Structures are given as C-alpha cells and as structure tokens.
C-alpha cells in the first residue's frame, strides 16, 4: 500500500512497516480481549470482567437483580446503545 497522497512525496514507495518505524503512521492498537459465549476459553476473573466494556462479551446475556427491590433485568450487548461502557458502570446504574 502506498501513502504518497497522505504523507507527501517523502513517503512515496515506502512500506507500511518502514512508515511506522519512521513515525509517519500511528502504531496499531492492540486487539482487545473478547470472551465468546461458546468455546472453552477460560472465563475472566470478576475484577477483570468488571473492568471490561460490555462489547467484550458479545452474545452474552447479563442478568441483573437489584438487591433492594429484587427487580430482574436481562440485557445484551446488541440491545445496549452504549456498549462501550464498563460492566462496573452498567451494574451500578441498573441496580438502585
């Protein structure tokens, strides 16, 4: 892939790797860990799961029961408009 129009004539003919080494391209973001509802991958610890956003658990249903009023809510990543929120924040808002 060539970046002549994006980075000017100095970057013409350079590969992606050499562009990244020279600081002309931003570094790639590391891939985020995702836990699927199927498979035999080990589940995250409670602390790790609470620190992750809801999109890290696609096709999972989260059952939330309020300790005070005992209301039960089931939510899914697909049905949440803001699935980038942390599980800790979602649980705090869904409970009283």
Foldseek 3Di string as FASTA:
>chain_A
DACCVPQHPVRGPPDPVVCVVVVNDDDDDDDDAADEPDDDDDDDDPVVQQAAFQRSYAPDWDWAAAPPPRDIDIDGCVPDPCRRDGNNVVNVVVYD
